Amino acid sequence: MAVKKSELYSMLWEACNKLRGGVEPARYKDYVLVLLFHKYVSEKYKGQPYAMILSRLVDTFSSRIL
């Protein structure tokens, strides 16, 4: 069964409101931004579990040598 875009948006909005519960909408963004950041980092470094840690170590090490 195909779902129209407007129906999908309505269902997502309703689900977000249920999940939000008693949290004020202004504070809800804190949770959403963390989830979006996690999704971005997960997709960027997919298949490279230690990529960010290793790049930080290399940067730190090279800055101490130079």
Protein backbone atom coordinates (compact mmCIF):
# COMPACT_ATOMS: atom_id res chain seq x y z
CA MET A 1 0.00 0.00 0.00
CA ALA A 2 1.48 3.32 -1.07
CA VAL A 3 1.37 6.21 1.37
CA LYS A 4 1.05 9.79 0.18
CA LYS A 5 3.74 12.22 1.27
CA SER A 6 1.23 14.35 3.20
CA GLU A 7 -0.05 11.27 5.05
CA LEU A 8 3.51 10.26 5.88
CA TYR A 9 4.28 13.72 7.27
CA SER A 10 1.11 13.62 9.37
CA MET A 11 1.98 10.19 10.77
CA LEU A 12 5.54 11.27 11.56
CA TRP A 13 4.36 14.47 13.23
CA GLU A 14 1.87 12.54 15.35
CA ALA A 15 4.55 9.99 16.33
CA CYS A 16 6.93 12.80 17.33
CA ASN A 17 4.26 14.39 19.49
CA LYS A 18 3.61 11.07 21.23
CA LEU A 19 7.33 10.49 21.82
CA ARG A 20 7.82 14.04 23.05
CA GLY A 21 5.30 13.53 25.80
CA GLY A 22 5.68 16.16 28.52
CA VAL A 23 8.86 17.72 27.13
CA GLU A 24 8.49 21.29 25.95
CA PRO A 25 8.87 21.73 22.18
CA ALA A 26 11.80 24.11 22.73
CA ARG A 27 13.72 21.41 24.66
CA TYR A 28 12.69 18.64 22.28
CA LYS A 29 15.13 20.02 19.69
CA ASP A 30 18.00 19.03 21.98
CA TYR A 31 17.08 15.37 21.60
CA VAL A 32 16.41 15.60 17.88
CA LEU A 33 19.70 17.38 17.13
CA VAL A 34 21.64 14.68 18.96
CA LEU A 35 19.89 11.98 16.96
CA LEU A 36 20.56 13.79 13.68
CA PHE A 37 24.23 14.23 14.57
CA HIS A 38 24.51 10.55 15.47
CA LYS A 39 22.92 9.58 12.15
CA TYR A 40 25.30 11.87 10.22
CA VAL A 41 28.41 10.50 11.93
CA SER A 42 27.20 6.91 11.58
CA GLU A 43 26.66 7.29 7.85
CA LYS A 44 29.87 9.24 7.25
CA TYR A 45 32.09 6.66 8.96
CA LYS A 46 30.11 3.55 8.04
CA GLY A 47 32.47 0.59 7.84
CA GLN A 48 35.27 2.53 9.58
CA PRO A 49 34.63 2.00 13.30
CA TYR A 50 37.73 3.85 14.56
CA ALA A 51 38.11 6.47 11.82
CA MET A 52 37.42 9.51 14.00
CA ILE A 53 39.60 8.29 16.86
CA LEU A 54 42.50 7.44 14.56
CA SER A 55 42.30 10.77 12.73
CA ARG A 56 42.43 12.59 16.10
CA LEU A 57 45.45 10.55 17.20
CA VAL A 58 47.29 11.26 13.94
CA ASP A 59 46.52 14.99 14.21
CA THR A 60 47.72 15.09 17.82
CA PHE A 61 50.84 13.07 17.08
CA SER A 62 51.85 15.07 14.03
CA SER A 63 51.33 18.38 15.83
CA ARG A 64 53.71 17.27 18.60
CA ILE A 65 56.42 16.22 16.15
CA LEU A 66 56.31 19.45 14.17
